[in-house]
C-alpha atoms as a PDB file:
ATOM      1  CA  MET A   1      -0.056  -6.699 -39.573  1.00  0.00           C
ATOM      2  CA  LEU A   2       0.572  -4.807 -36.364  1.00  0.00           C
ATOM      3  CA  THR A   3       2.324  -6.361 -33.414  1.00  0.00           C
ATOM      4  CA  ASN A   4       0.952  -6.097 -29.887  1.00  0.00           C
ATOM      5  CA  TYR A   5       3.612  -3.473 -29.157  1.00  0.00           C
ATOM      6  CA  GLU A   6       2.475  -1.292 -32.070  1.00  0.00           C
ATOM      7  CA  ARG A   7      -1.213  -1.697 -31.194  1.00  0.00           C
ATOM      8  CA  ARG A   8      -0.549  -0.644 -27.603  1.00  0.00           C
ATOM      9  CA  LYS A   9       1.524   2.309 -28.844  1.00  0.00           C
ATOM     10  CA  PHE A  10      -1.284   3.612 -31.080  1.00  0.00           C
ATOM     11  CA  ARG A  11      -3.944   2.982 -28.436  1.00  0.00           C
ATOM     12  CA  VAL A  12      -2.042   4.914 -25.754  1.00  0.00           C
ATOM     13  CA  ARG A  13      -1.216   7.804 -28.096  1.00  0.00           C
ATOM     14  CA  ASN A  14      -4.850   8.138 -29.234  1.00  0.00           C
ATOM     15  CA  HIS A  15      -6.062   8.081 -25.637  1.00  0.00           C
ATOM     16  CA  ILE A  16      -3.584  10.800 -24.628  1.00  0.00           C
ATOM     17  CA  GLU A  17      -4.508  13.043 -27.553  1.00  0.00           C
ATOM     18  CA  ALA A  18      -8.238  12.621 -26.891  1.00  0.00           C
ATOM     19  CA  SER A  19      -8.017  13.249 -23.145  1.00  0.00           C
ATOM     20  CA  ASN A  20      -5.564  16.173 -23.269  1.00  0.00           C
ATOM     21  CA  LYS A  21      -7.912  19.004 -24.238  1.00  0.00           C
ATOM     22  CA  GLY A  22      -6.179  21.486 -21.908  1.00  0.00           C
ATOM     23  CA  GLY A  23      -2.980  21.489 -23.935  1.00  0.00           C
ATOM     24  CA  ARG A  24      -0.779  20.299 -21.084  1.00  0.00           C
ATOM     25  CA  PRO A  25       2.716  19.190 -22.096  1.00  0.00           C
ATOM     26  CA  ARG A  26       3.475  15.468 -22.300  1.00  0.00           C
ATOM     27  CA  LEU A  27       6.103  13.730 -20.209  1.00  0.00           C
ATOM     28  CA  VAL A  28       7.361  11.169 -22.725  1.00  0.00           C
ATOM     29  CA  VAL A  29       9.341   8.206 -21.414  1.00  0.00           C
ATOM     30  CA  SER A  30      11.575   6.096 -23.608  1.00  0.00           C
ATOM     31  CA  ARG A  31      14.108   3.507 -22.626  1.00  0.00           C
ATOM     32  CA  SER A  32      16.838   1.277 -23.944  1.00  0.00           C
ATOM     33  CA  ASN A  33      18.559  -1.665 -22.339  1.00  0.00           C
ATOM     34  CA  LYS A  34      20.990   0.575 -20.431  1.00  0.00           C
ATOM     35  CA  ASN A  35      19.419   4.035 -20.311  1.00  0.00           C
ATOM     36  CA  ILE A  36      16.108   5.758 -19.666  1.00  0.00           C
ATOM     37  CA  TYR A  37      15.039   9.086 -21.131  1.00  0.00           C
ATOM     38  CA  ALA A  38      12.393  11.648 -20.149  1.00  0.00           C
ATOM     39  CA  GLN A  39      11.265  14.512 -22.383  1.00  0.00           C
ATOM     40  CA  LEU A  40       8.721  17.275 -21.925  1.00  0.00           C
ATOM     41  CA  ILE A  41       6.940  17.931 -25.227  1.00  0.00           C
ATOM     42  CA  ASP A  42       4.336  20.647 -25.770  1.00  0.00           C
ATOM     43  CA  ALA A  43       1.173  20.351 -27.885  1.00  0.00           C
ATOM     44  CA  LYS A  44       2.997  21.537 -31.013  1.00  0.00           C
ATOM     45  CA  GLY A  45       5.625  18.797 -30.704  1.00  0.00           C
ATOM     46  CA  LYS A  46       8.457  21.010 -29.472  1.00  0.00           C
ATOM     47  CA  VAL A  47      10.772  19.555 -26.815  1.00  0.00           C
ATOM     48  CA  LEU A  48      10.787  21.897 -23.823  1.00  0.00           C
ATOM     49  CA  CYS A  49      13.308  20.030 -21.673  1.00  0.00           C
ATOM     50  CA  SER A  50      14.798  16.577 -21.308  1.00  0.00           C
ATOM     51  CA  PHE A  51      16.908  14.490 -18.962  1.00  0.00           C
ATOM     52  CA  SER A  52      18.325  10.983 -19.139  1.00  0.00           C
ATOM     53  CA  THR A  53      20.879   8.692 -17.590  1.00  0.00           C
ATOM     54  CA  LEU A  54      23.317  10.038 -20.177  1.00  0.00           C
ATOM     55  CA  ASN A  55      23.083  13.482 -18.542  1.00  0.00           C
ATOM     56  CA  PHE A  56      24.621  12.513 -15.223  1.00  0.00           C
ATOM     57  CA  GLU A  57      26.931  15.390 -14.397  1.00  0.00           C
ATOM     58  CA  ASP A  58      28.951  13.329 -11.992  1.00  0.00           C
ATOM     59  CA  ASN A  59      29.945   9.863 -13.224  1.00  0.00           C
ATOM     60  CA  LYS A  60      30.464   8.768  -9.630  1.00  0.00           C
ATOM     61  CA  LYS A  61      26.726   9.204  -9.038  1.00  0.00           C
ATOM     62  CA  ALA A  62      25.972   7.140 -12.117  1.00  0.00           C
ATOM     63  CA  ASN A  63      28.353   4.380 -11.100  1.00  0.00           C
ATOM     64  CA  LYS A  64      26.852   4.160  -7.608  1.00  0.00           C
ATOM     65  CA  LYS A  65      23.380   3.581  -9.035  1.00  0.00           C
ATOM     66  CA  THR A  66      23.878   0.219 -10.676  1.00  0.00           C
ATOM     67  CA  ASN A  67      20.238  -0.854 -10.581  1.00  0.00           C
ATOM     68  CA  GLY A  68      18.027   0.287 -13.463  1.00  0.00           C
ATOM     69  CA  THR A  69      15.142   1.299 -11.204  1.00  0.00           C
ATOM     70  CA  GLU A  70      17.485   3.372  -9.033  1.00  0.00           C
ATOM     71  CA  LYS A  71      18.709   5.190 -12.128  1.00  0.00           C
ATOM     72  CA  ALA A  72      15.111   5.745 -13.236  1.00  0.00           C
ATOM     73  CA  LYS A  73      14.222   7.222  -9.838  1.00  0.00           C
ATOM     74  CA  PHE A  74      17.176   9.594 -10.043  1.00  0.00           C
ATOM     75  CA  VAL A  75      16.222  10.642 -13.583  1.00  0.00           C
ATOM     76  CA  GLY A  76      12.621  11.224 -12.455  1.00  0.00           C
ATOM     77  CA  GLN A  77      13.666  13.408  -9.526  1.00  0.00           C
ATOM     78  CA  GLU A  78      16.076  15.492 -11.579  1.00  0.00           C
ATOM     79  CA  PHE A  79      13.630  15.814 -14.468  1.00  0.00           C
ATOM     80  CA  ALA A  80      10.892  17.021 -12.122  1.00  0.00           C
ATOM     81  CA  LYS A  81      13.261  19.641 -10.691  1.00  0.00           C
ATOM     82  CA  ILE A  82      13.994  20.910 -14.212  1.00  0.00           C
ATOM     83  CA  CYS A  83      10.272  21.045 -15.065  1.00  0.00           C
ATOM     84  CA  LEU A  84       9.378  22.903 -11.876  1.00  0.00           C
ATOM     85  CA  LYS A  85      12.229  25.331 -12.481  1.00  0.00           C
ATOM     86  CA  ASN A  86      10.762  26.040 -15.939  1.00  0.00           C
ATOM     87  CA  GLY A  87       7.319  26.650 -14.430  1.00  0.00           C
ATOM     88  CA  VAL A  88       5.615  23.417 -15.498  1.00  0.00           C
ATOM     89  CA  LYS A  89       3.642  21.726 -12.721  1.00  0.00           C
ATOM     90  CA  GLU A  90       1.000  19.693 -14.564  1.00  0.00           C
ATOM     91  CA  VAL A  91       1.851  17.226 -17.311  1.00  0.00           C
ATOM     92  CA  VAL A  92       0.308  14.261 -19.108  1.00  0.00           C
ATOM     93  CA  PHE A  93       2.262  11.044 -18.636  1.00  0.00           C
ATOM     94  CA  ASP A  94       3.010   9.356 -21.972  1.00  0.00           C
ATOM     95  CA  LYS A  95       4.493   5.927 -21.388  1.00  0.00           C
ATOM     96  CA  GLY A  96       4.206   5.035 -25.046  1.00  0.00           C
ATOM     97  CA  ALA A  97       3.984   1.307 -25.642  1.00  0.00           C
ATOM     98  CA  TYR A  98       5.874   0.456 -22.472  1.00  0.00           C
ATOM     99  CA  ILE A  99       4.081  -1.399 -19.719  1.00  0.00           C
ATOM    100  CA  TYR A 100       3.701   0.646 -16.510  1.00  0.00           C
ATOM    101  CA  ASN A 101       6.116  -1.467 -14.499  1.00  0.00           C
ATOM    102  CA  GLY A 102       9.760  -1.453 -13.416  1.00  0.00           C
ATOM    103  CA  ARG A 103      11.814   1.492 -14.659  1.00  0.00           C
ATOM    104  CA  VAL A 104       8.869   3.356 -16.199  1.00  0.00           C
ATOM    105  CA  LYS A 105       6.900   3.115 -12.958  1.00  0.00           C
ATOM    106  CA  ALA A 106       9.928   4.159 -10.877  1.00  0.00           C
ATOM    107  CA  LEU A 107      10.465   7.256 -13.034  1.00  0.00           C
ATOM    108  CA  ALA A 108       6.773   8.227 -12.825  1.00  0.00           C
ATOM    109  CA  GLU A 109       6.595   7.813  -9.054  1.00  0.00           C
ATOM    110  CA  ALA A 110       9.802   9.802  -8.556  1.00  0.00           C
ATOM    111  CA  CYS A 111       8.368  12.648 -10.660  1.00  0.00           C
ATOM    112  CA  ARG A 112       5.188  12.634  -8.571  1.00  0.00           C
ATOM    113  CA  GLU A 113       7.145  12.672  -5.318  1.00  0.00           C
ATOM    114  CA  ALA A 114       9.223  15.605  -6.562  1.00  0.00           C
ATOM    115  CA  GLY A 115       6.099  17.676  -7.252  1.00  0.00           C
ATOM    116  CA  LEU A 116       4.868  17.049 -10.799  1.00  0.00           C
ATOM    117  CA  GLN A 117       1.143  16.417 -11.125  1.00  0.00           C
ATOM    118  CA  PHE A 118      -0.315  13.909 -13.583  1.00  0.00           C
END
């Protein structure tokens, strides 16, 4: 028997696959209790680029951002810069089974503000 989490996961994935006929890459968000991760995956399943809270180059920046949503905003901004540098402007947002709230929402809005379109 599937849990609500698993049902939501399958429902979102099926919707993304059905609506993405143009072959745009997916911005996949995953999170843990301490970290948040963003990956850009093409239609074949290959990871084009990624960024997470583990990739902070300067630990002082990471220590200043103690709030999870602040870290998610920073990850979203930096991830969008990497995507734009690689020539990707349009993506499909794949939140997985996560509810669009809190850290996931902060990352998505930061990516939009930085120039990604989805």
